[in-house]
Amino acid sequence: MLILTCPSCGVTGEETEFHAGGEAHIKRFGPGSDDDQFHSYLFAKENPKGVHFERWRHNNGCGKWFHAARDTMTLEVFGTYPAQTLEPPKQIRDKITAKHPGWKWREFS
């Protein structure tokens, strides 16, 4: 079971306290986007065996969205950070690199 900490209110709890919201750091296209952009948004998702960045919502608490970095094989959580953050914080990337040298996820490494 995942143990996550909400960066907004600081509450640590099991994954049942939260709700998964899919992949993090995806550019979401709105009205006026072309077919290729909309197709990429809907269908071009990462599904790695290893480090992954996800959106989560603290639905049984403050209700805020946040991002989490975790390993899909071991369920190890490397850290959480606010959803408004445009890229994973350096300390989380460094923690991942220490455990998985040479990792890469989308444009982040």
C-alpha atoms as a PDB file:
ATOM      1  CA  MET A   1       0.000   0.000   0.000  1.00  0.00           C
ATOM      2  CA  LEU A   2       1.185   3.504  -0.793  1.00  0.00           C
ATOM      3  CA  ILE A   3       1.786   5.964   2.015  1.00  0.00           C
ATOM      4  CA  LEU A   4       1.508   9.542   0.748  1.00  0.00           C
ATOM      5  CA  THR A   5       1.934  12.935   2.405  1.00  0.00           C
ATOM      6  CA  CYS A   6      -0.212  15.807   1.221  1.00  0.00           C
ATOM      7  CA  PRO A   7       2.114  18.797   0.659  1.00  0.00           C
ATOM      8  CA  SER A   8      -0.776  21.228   1.241  1.00  0.00           C
ATOM      9  CA  CYS A   9      -1.959  20.163   4.696  1.00  0.00           C
ATOM     10  CA  GLY A  10       0.908  17.862   5.751  1.00  0.00           C
ATOM     11  CA  VAL A  11      -1.294  14.836   6.497  1.00  0.00           C
ATOM     12  CA  THR A  12       0.332  11.439   5.877  1.00  0.00           C
ATOM     13  CA  GLY A  13      -1.994   8.565   5.093  1.00  0.00           C
ATOM     14  CA  GLU A  14      -2.632   5.408   3.131  1.00  0.00           C
ATOM     15  CA  GLU A  15      -3.598   5.657  -0.525  1.00  0.00           C
ATOM     16  CA  THR A  16      -7.265   5.147   0.402  1.00  0.00           C
ATOM     17  CA  GLU A  17      -7.170   8.653   1.926  1.00  0.00           C
ATOM     18  CA  PHE A  18      -6.343  10.002  -1.544  1.00  0.00           C
ATOM     19  CA  HIS A  19      -7.563   9.605  -5.116  1.00  0.00           C
ATOM     20  CA  ALA A  20      -5.256   8.982  -8.087  1.00  0.00           C
ATOM     21  CA  GLY A  21      -5.709  11.375 -10.982  1.00  0.00           C
ATOM     22  CA  GLY A  22      -3.437  10.024 -13.706  1.00  0.00           C
ATOM     23  CA  GLU A  23      -0.104  11.111 -15.055  1.00  0.00           C
ATOM     24  CA  ALA A  24       1.437  14.393 -13.888  1.00  0.00           C
ATOM     25  CA  HIS A  25       3.045  17.124 -15.989  1.00  0.00           C
ATOM     26  CA  ILE A  26       0.847  16.623 -19.041  1.00  0.00           C
ATOM     27  CA  LYS A  27       0.024  19.674 -21.096  1.00  0.00           C
ATOM     28  CA  ARG A  28      -3.748  19.816 -21.133  1.00  0.00           C
ATOM     29  CA  PHE A  29      -5.150  21.395 -24.292  1.00  0.00           C
ATOM     30  CA  GLY A  30      -8.427  23.267 -24.180  1.00  0.00           C
ATOM     31  CA  PRO A  31     -10.892  24.594 -26.719  1.00  0.00           C
ATOM     32  CA  GLY A  32      -9.314  25.468 -30.028  1.00  0.00           C
ATOM     33  CA  SER A  33      -6.684  22.719 -29.892  1.00  0.00           C
ATOM     34  CA  ASP A  34      -6.076  20.725 -33.038  1.00  0.00           C
ATOM     35  CA  ASP A  35      -6.721  16.989 -33.416  1.00  0.00           C
ATOM     36  CA  ASP A  36      -3.061  16.016 -32.906  1.00  0.00           C
ATOM     37  CA  GLN A  37      -2.805  17.955 -29.639  1.00  0.00           C
ATOM     38  CA  PHE A  38      -6.037  16.470 -28.320  1.00  0.00           C
ATOM     39  CA  HIS A  39      -4.991  12.957 -29.399  1.00  0.00           C
ATOM     40  CA  SER A  40      -1.643  13.353 -27.596  1.00  0.00           C
ATOM     41  CA  TYR A  41      -3.374  14.543 -24.445  1.00  0.00           C
ATOM     42  CA  LEU A  42      -5.839  11.646 -24.407  1.00  0.00           C
ATOM     43  CA  PHE A  43      -3.698   8.747 -25.560  1.00  0.00           C
ATOM     44  CA  ALA A  44       0.063   9.473 -25.348  1.00  0.00           C
ATOM     45  CA  LYS A  45       0.698   8.468 -21.731  1.00  0.00           C
ATOM     46  CA  GLU A  46       3.768   7.078 -20.041  1.00  0.00           C
ATOM     47  CA  ASN A  47       3.256   3.746 -18.313  1.00  0.00           C
ATOM     48  CA  PRO A  48       6.725   2.953 -17.037  1.00  0.00           C
ATOM     49  CA  LYS A  49       8.033   0.034 -15.114  1.00  0.00           C
ATOM     50  CA  GLY A  50       9.871   2.114 -12.541  1.00  0.00           C
ATOM     51  CA  VAL A  51       9.760   5.821 -11.658  1.00  0.00           C
ATOM     52  CA  HIS A  52       6.517   7.613 -12.510  1.00  0.00           C
ATOM     53  CA  PHE A  53       5.022  11.030 -11.712  1.00  0.00           C
ATOM     54  CA  GLU A  54       1.321  11.087 -10.863  1.00  0.00           C
ATOM     55  CA  ARG A  55      -1.444  13.488  -9.832  1.00  0.00           C
ATOM     56  CA  TRP A  56      -3.232  12.765  -6.567  1.00  0.00           C
ATOM     57  CA  ARG A  57      -6.064  14.481  -4.704  1.00  0.00           C
ATOM     58  CA  HIS A  58      -6.435  14.488  -0.929  1.00  0.00           C
ATOM     59  CA  ASN A  59     -10.146  13.718  -1.169  1.00  0.00           C
ATOM     60  CA  ASN A  60     -10.604  12.672   2.483  1.00  0.00           C
ATOM     61  CA  GLY A  61      -8.801  15.763   3.736  1.00  0.00           C
ATOM     62  CA  CYS A  62      -8.082  19.206   2.343  1.00  0.00           C
ATOM     63  CA  GLY A  63      -9.255  18.350  -1.200  1.00  0.00           C
ATOM     64  CA  LYS A  64      -6.119  19.768  -2.858  1.00  0.00           C
ATOM     65  CA  TRP A  65      -4.407  18.226  -5.874  1.00  0.00           C
ATOM     66  CA  PHE A  66      -0.682  17.403  -5.704  1.00  0.00           C
ATOM     67  CA  HIS A  67       1.969  15.414  -7.554  1.00  0.00           C
ATOM     68  CA  ALA A  68       3.799  12.327  -6.316  1.00  0.00           C
ATOM     69  CA  ALA A  69       6.949  10.621  -7.586  1.00  0.00           C
ATOM     70  CA  ARG A  70       6.915   6.872  -7.030  1.00  0.00           C
ATOM     71  CA  ASP A  71       8.352   3.608  -8.286  1.00  0.00           C
ATOM     72  CA  THR A  72       5.645   1.478  -9.908  1.00  0.00           C
ATOM     73  CA  MET A  73       7.525  -1.752  -9.139  1.00  0.00           C
ATOM     74  CA  THR A  74       8.328  -1.233  -5.451  1.00  0.00           C
ATOM     75  CA  LEU A  75       5.654   1.382  -4.563  1.00  0.00           C
ATOM     76  CA  GLU A  76       8.422   3.505  -2.985  1.00  0.00           C
ATOM     77  CA  VAL A  77       7.327   7.140  -2.834  1.00  0.00           C
ATOM     78  CA  PHE A  78      10.201   9.551  -3.489  1.00  0.00           C
ATOM     79  CA  GLY A  79       8.216  12.629  -2.532  1.00  0.00           C
ATOM     80  CA  THR A  80       5.154  14.771  -3.085  1.00  0.00           C
ATOM     81  CA  TYR A  81       4.858  18.407  -4.156  1.00  0.00           C
ATOM     82  CA  PRO A  82       2.130  20.923  -5.096  1.00  0.00           C
ATOM     83  CA  ALA A  83       0.294  20.405  -8.395  1.00  0.00           C
ATOM     84  CA  GLN A  84       1.134  23.957  -9.478  1.00  0.00           C
ATOM     85  CA  THR A  85       4.832  23.008  -9.693  1.00  0.00           C
ATOM     86  CA  LEU A  86       5.867  22.866 -13.366  1.00  0.00           C
ATOM     87  CA  GLU A  87       8.593  20.261 -12.907  1.00  0.00           C
ATOM     88  CA  PRO A  88       9.627  17.825 -10.181  1.00  0.00           C
ATOM     89  CA  PRO A  89      11.707  19.544  -7.446  1.00  0.00           C
ATOM     90  CA  LYS A  90      15.458  18.996  -7.577  1.00  0.00           C
ATOM     91  CA  GLN A  91      15.584  17.190  -4.209  1.00  0.00           C
ATOM     92  CA  ILE A  92      13.087  14.595  -5.479  1.00  0.00           C
ATOM     93  CA  ARG A  93      14.985  14.161  -8.773  1.00  0.00           C
ATOM     94  CA  ASP A  94      18.237  13.769  -6.801  1.00  0.00           C
ATOM     95  CA  LYS A  95      16.627  11.150  -4.533  1.00  0.00           C
ATOM     96  CA  ILE A  96      15.473   9.194  -7.598  1.00  0.00           C
ATOM     97  CA  THR A  97      18.875   9.463  -9.296  1.00  0.00           C
ATOM     98  CA  ALA A  98      20.612   8.173  -6.148  1.00  0.00           C
ATOM     99  CA  LYS A  99      18.425   5.056  -6.240  1.00  0.00           C
ATOM    100  CA  HIS A 100      18.148   4.690 -10.052  1.00  0.00           C
ATOM    101  CA  PRO A 101      21.217   6.160 -11.798  1.00  0.00           C
ATOM    102  CA  GLY A 102      20.477   7.181 -15.381  1.00  0.00           C
ATOM    103  CA  TRP A 103      16.678   7.269 -15.022  1.00  0.00           C
ATOM    104  CA  LYS A 104      14.677   9.426 -17.393  1.00  0.00           C
ATOM    105  CA  TRP A 105      10.981  10.271 -17.502  1.00  0.00           C
ATOM    106  CA  ARG A 106       9.712  12.441 -20.326  1.00  0.00           C
ATOM    107  CA  GLU A 107      12.011  15.488 -20.359  1.00  0.00           C
ATOM    108  CA  PHE A 108      12.988  15.160 -16.688  1.00  0.00           C
ATOM    109  CA  SER A 109      16.102  13.433 -15.377  1.00  0.00           C
END
